């Protein structure tokens, strides 16, 4: 039966475990209509356009 010969230290254990919990940065793209940064496959909050057509009406500032 395979048994560890020595105790795994807390530092070594934590180094192994820490890479699984990192957050990924969301992919932000520029809106083709107005150029504002937005998330892909979502309506632009600045102009209200998605896929080349107006989906929501946004009031002008």
C-alpha atoms as a PDB file:
ATOM      1  CA  UNK A   1       0.000   0.000   0.000  1.00  0.00           C
ATOM      2  CA  UNK A   2       1.367   3.447  -0.944  1.00  0.00           C
ATOM      3  CA  UNK A   3       1.886   5.608   2.132  1.00  0.00           C
ATOM      4  CA  UNK A   4       3.698   8.979   2.280  1.00  0.00           C
ATOM      5  CA  UNK A   5       7.134   8.687   3.882  1.00  0.00           C
ATOM      6  CA  UNK A   6       7.056  12.221   5.361  1.00  0.00           C
ATOM      7  CA  UNK A   7       4.394  14.743   6.337  1.00  0.00           C
ATOM      8  CA  UNK A   8       3.642  17.267   3.600  1.00  0.00           C
ATOM      9  CA  UNK A   9       4.348  20.727   5.000  1.00  0.00           C
ATOM     10  CA  UNK A  10       1.666  23.412   5.038  1.00  0.00           C
ATOM     11  CA  UNK A  11       3.667  25.556   2.604  1.00  0.00           C
ATOM     12  CA  UNK A  12       4.020  22.736   0.067  1.00  0.00           C
ATOM     13  CA  UNK A  13       0.371  21.725   0.457  1.00  0.00           C
ATOM     14  CA  UNK A  14      -0.858  25.320   0.034  1.00  0.00           C
ATOM     15  CA  UNK A  15       1.385  25.923  -3.004  1.00  0.00           C
ATOM     16  CA  UNK A  16      -0.280  22.972  -4.689  1.00  0.00           C
ATOM     17  CA  UNK A  17      -3.820  24.055  -3.777  1.00  0.00           C
ATOM     18  CA  UNK A  18      -3.644  27.801  -4.482  1.00  0.00           C
ATOM     19  CA  UNK A  19      -3.715  27.626  -8.289  1.00  0.00           C
ATOM     20  CA  UNK A  20      -7.276  26.253  -8.461  1.00  0.00           C
ATOM     21  CA  UNK A  21      -9.015  29.204  -6.775  1.00  0.00           C
ATOM     22  CA  UNK A  22      -7.843  32.088  -8.941  1.00  0.00           C
ATOM     23  CA  UNK A  23     -10.527  34.242 -10.549  1.00  0.00           C
ATOM     24  CA  UNK A  24     -10.490  34.672 -14.302  1.00  0.00           C
ATOM     25  CA  UNK A  25     -10.654  38.155 -15.810  1.00  0.00           C
ATOM     26  CA  UNK A  26     -13.826  38.558 -17.891  1.00  0.00           C
ATOM     27  CA  UNK A  27     -13.231  39.070 -21.594  1.00  0.00           C
ATOM     28  CA  UNK A  28     -14.176  42.674 -22.327  1.00  0.00           C
ATOM     29  CA  UNK A  29     -14.675  43.751 -25.938  1.00  0.00           C
ATOM     30  CA  UNK A  30     -15.352  47.137 -27.515  1.00  0.00           C
ATOM     31  CA  UNK A  31     -18.868  47.836 -28.763  1.00  0.00           C
ATOM     32  CA  UNK A  32     -18.786  48.114 -32.578  1.00  0.00           C
ATOM     33  CA  UNK A  33     -21.416  50.888 -32.496  1.00  0.00           C
ATOM     34  CA  UNK A  34     -20.107  53.267 -29.812  1.00  0.00           C
ATOM     35  CA  UNK A  35     -16.726  51.804 -28.777  1.00  0.00           C
ATOM     36  CA  UNK A  36     -17.593  51.443 -25.085  1.00  0.00           C
ATOM     37  CA  UNK A  37     -16.232  48.349 -23.297  1.00  0.00           C
ATOM     38  CA  UNK A  38     -18.862  45.647 -22.778  1.00  0.00           C
ATOM     39  CA  UNK A  39     -19.085  41.927 -22.072  1.00  0.00           C
ATOM     40  CA  UNK A  40     -19.406  39.685 -25.142  1.00  0.00           C
ATOM     41  CA  UNK A  41     -22.874  38.409 -26.133  1.00  0.00           C
ATOM     42  CA  UNK A  42     -24.597  41.121 -24.113  1.00  0.00           C
ATOM     43  CA  UNK A  43     -26.405  44.360 -24.915  1.00  0.00           C
ATOM     44  CA  UNK A  44     -24.236  47.477 -24.715  1.00  0.00           C
ATOM     45  CA  UNK A  45     -25.336  49.570 -21.740  1.00  0.00           C
ATOM     46  CA  UNK A  46     -24.135  52.791 -23.357  1.00  0.00           C
ATOM     47  CA  UNK A  47     -26.002  52.624 -26.676  1.00  0.00           C
ATOM     48  CA  UNK A  48     -28.461  49.718 -26.267  1.00  0.00           C
ATOM     49  CA  UNK A  49     -27.348  47.875 -29.403  1.00  0.00           C
ATOM     50  CA  UNK A  50     -26.723  44.145 -29.806  1.00  0.00           C
ATOM     51  CA  UNK A  51     -25.872  42.294 -33.022  1.00  0.00           C
ATOM     52  CA  UNK A  52     -26.281  45.400 -35.163  1.00  0.00           C
ATOM     53  CA  UNK A  53     -29.769  46.414 -33.991  1.00  0.00           C
ATOM     54  CA  UNK A  54     -31.216  48.433 -31.134  1.00  0.00           C
ATOM     55  CA  UNK A  55     -32.531  46.129 -28.423  1.00  0.00           C
ATOM     56  CA  UNK A  56     -33.165  48.573 -25.584  1.00  0.00           C
ATOM     57  CA  UNK A  57     -33.838  52.285 -25.672  1.00  0.00           C
ATOM     58  CA  UNK A  58     -31.169  54.240 -23.773  1.00  0.00           C
ATOM     59  CA  UNK A  59     -31.788  57.860 -22.865  1.00  0.00           C
ATOM     60  CA  UNK A  60     -29.124  60.354 -23.929  1.00  0.00           C
ATOM     61  CA  UNK A  61     -27.013  61.961 -21.210  1.00  0.00           C
END
